Amino acid sequence: MACYIVGAGDFDRDRFTPSPGDYIIAADGGYRHLSDAGISPDLVLGDFDSLDMIPLHHKLMKYP
């Protein structure tokens, strides 16, 4: 099992190959990368200043 934190920086979908059971965290703008790739993160966190909305997610941690 691995844990990945995906941020708002460069994201290469072809190189991101998590295995079943891996834990994926979307940090702020990383949510958009994962969403565009059809990947649902296990946790979404951040202040969401790089997004134009706050994601609707069952595990969301918003920081000021």
Foldseek 3Di string as FASTA:
>chain_A
DEEEEFEQDDDDLVPDDDDPPYAYEYEQNSVVVCVVSVHDHPAYEEQNPVPPDQDDDPHYYHDD
